[in-house]
N, C-alpha and C. Protein backbone atom coordinates (compact mmCIF):
# COMPACT_ATOMS: atom_id res chain seq x y z
N UNK A 1 -14.62 -23.25 -24.64
CA UNK A 1 -15.61 -23.33 -23.56
C UNK A 1 -16.85 -22.96 -23.54
N UNK A 2 -17.78 -23.37 -23.03
CA UNK A 2 -19.37 -22.89 -23.30
C UNK A 2 -19.85 -24.23 -23.35
N UNK A 3 -21.28 -23.71 -23.41
CA UNK A 3 -22.41 -25.07 -23.65
C UNK A 3 -22.67 -24.92 -25.11
N UNK A 4 -22.87 -26.02 -26.17
CA UNK A 4 -23.28 -26.20 -27.50
C UNK A 4 -24.63 -25.23 -27.64
N UNK A 5 -24.51 -24.52 -28.96
CA UNK A 5 -25.53 -23.40 -29.25
C UNK A 5 -25.55 -23.75 -30.69
N UNK A 6 -26.98 -24.33 -31.00
CA UNK A 6 -27.14 -24.56 -32.39
C UNK A 6 -26.59 -23.61 -33.51
N UNK A 7 -26.54 -22.40 -33.31
CA UNK A 7 -26.05 -21.36 -34.37
C UNK A 7 -24.72 -20.51 -34.04
N UNK A 8 -24.37 -20.51 -32.46
CA UNK A 8 -23.26 -19.56 -32.35
C UNK A 8 -21.91 -20.69 -31.89
N UNK A 9 -22.33 -21.76 -31.44
CA UNK A 9 -20.99 -22.57 -31.14
C UNK A 9 -21.37 -24.32 -31.17
N UNK A 10 -21.28 -24.47 -32.58
CA UNK A 10 -21.80 -25.70 -32.89
C UNK A 10 -20.90 -26.55 -33.40
N UNK A 11 -21.04 -27.69 -34.33
CA UNK A 11 -19.89 -28.44 -34.72
C UNK A 11 -19.26 -28.09 -35.65
N UNK A 12 -19.45 -26.93 -36.33
CA UNK A 12 -18.58 -26.18 -37.39
C UNK A 12 -17.74 -25.80 -36.63
N UNK A 13 -17.77 -25.09 -35.28
CA UNK A 13 -16.80 -24.35 -34.85
C UNK A 13 -16.07 -25.48 -34.13
N UNK A 14 -16.57 -26.59 -33.81
CA UNK A 14 -15.45 -27.62 -33.58
C UNK A 14 -14.45 -28.09 -34.35
N UNK A 15 -15.34 -28.45 -35.43
CA UNK A 15 -14.55 -28.64 -36.66
C UNK A 15 -13.25 -27.72 -36.91
N UNK A 16 -13.85 -26.59 -37.17
CA UNK A 16 -12.80 -25.57 -37.24
C UNK A 16 -11.18 -25.43 -36.17
N UNK A 17 -11.77 -25.80 -34.90
CA UNK A 17 -10.52 -25.70 -34.08
C UNK A 17 -9.85 -27.45 -34.13
N UNK A 18 -10.48 -28.31 -34.11
CA UNK A 18 -9.75 -29.52 -34.43
C UNK A 18 -9.07 -29.69 -36.00
N UNK A 19 -9.27 -28.85 -36.72
CA UNK A 19 -8.78 -28.85 -38.14
C UNK A 19 -7.46 -27.91 -38.00
N UNK A 20 -7.64 -26.89 -37.17
CA UNK A 20 -6.48 -25.98 -37.06
C UNK A 20 -5.49 -26.51 -36.28
N UNK A 21 -5.92 -27.20 -35.34
CA UNK A 21 -4.81 -28.03 -34.38
C UNK A 21 -4.28 -29.09 -35.33
N UNK A 22 -4.94 -29.79 -36.07
CA UNK A 22 -4.38 -30.89 -37.01
C UNK A 22 -3.44 -30.81 -37.79
N UNK A 23 -4.15 -29.82 -38.88
CA UNK A 23 -3.56 -29.16 -40.26
C UNK A 23 -3.07 -27.90 -40.36
N UNK A 24 -3.33 -27.07 -39.04
CA UNK A 24 -3.05 -25.72 -39.44
C UNK A 24 -3.76 -24.67 -40.08
N UNK A 25 -5.04 -25.41 -40.59
CA UNK A 25 -5.98 -24.36 -41.47
C UNK A 25 -7.25 -24.89 -40.71
N UNK A 26 -8.16 -24.00 -40.61
CA UNK A 26 -9.27 -24.12 -40.38
C UNK A 26 -10.46 -24.57 -41.32
N UNK A 27 -11.60 -24.57 -41.00
CA UNK A 27 -12.55 -24.80 -42.08
C UNK A 27 -12.83 -23.59 -42.60
N UNK A 28 -13.50 -23.41 -43.83
CA UNK A 28 -13.53 -21.93 -44.48
C UNK A 28 -14.66 -21.08 -43.94
N UNK A 29 -14.28 -19.94 -43.95
CA UNK A 29 -15.19 -19.01 -43.22
C UNK A 29 -16.38 -18.82 -43.41
N UNK A 30 -16.78 -19.22 -44.98
CA UNK A 30 -18.35 -19.05 -45.57
C UNK A 30 -19.10 -20.22 -44.66
N UNK A 31 -18.19 -21.43 -44.51
CA UNK A 31 -19.01 -22.29 -43.53
C UNK A 31 -19.13 -21.89 -42.36
N UNK A 32 -18.33 -21.23 -41.46
CA UNK A 32 -18.55 -20.95 -40.37
C UNK A 32 -19.49 -19.47 -40.29
N UNK A 33 -19.69 -19.10 -41.13
CA UNK A 33 -20.60 -17.76 -41.43
C UNK A 33 -21.92 -18.16 -42.03
N UNK A 34 -22.34 -19.37 -41.92
CA UNK A 34 -23.58 -19.89 -42.78
C UNK A 34 -24.83 -19.40 -41.16
N UNK A 35 -24.41 -19.92 -40.26
CA UNK A 35 -25.49 -19.73 -39.16
C UNK A 35 -25.96 -18.25 -38.86
N UNK A 36 -25.15 -17.17 -39.23
CA UNK A 36 -25.42 -15.79 -39.20
C UNK A 36 -25.92 -15.45 -40.73
N UNK A 37 -25.45 -15.98 -41.76
CA UNK A 37 -26.53 -16.00 -43.12
C UNK A 37 -28.02 -16.24 -42.69
N UNK A 38 -28.30 -17.38 -42.41
CA UNK A 38 -29.40 -17.88 -41.60
C UNK A 38 -30.40 -16.78 -41.13
N UNK A 39 -29.59 -16.42 -40.01
CA UNK A 39 -30.43 -15.26 -39.10
C UNK A 39 -30.72 -14.10 -39.83
N UNK A 40 -30.09 -13.80 -40.48
CA UNK A 40 -30.31 -12.56 -41.47
C UNK A 40 -31.39 -12.67 -42.58
N UNK A 41 -31.76 -13.82 -42.79
CA UNK A 41 -32.79 -14.26 -43.82
C UNK A 41 -34.48 -14.19 -43.28
């Protein structure tokens, strides 16, 4: 729940939730961590 946020709550987070629900595995953590990596540069 919450509003879309380009770096913190985005399509990667949605894809992770859907993937976890459908196949029992989320998307790779390095994909979810990309926004934080960008913010650190």
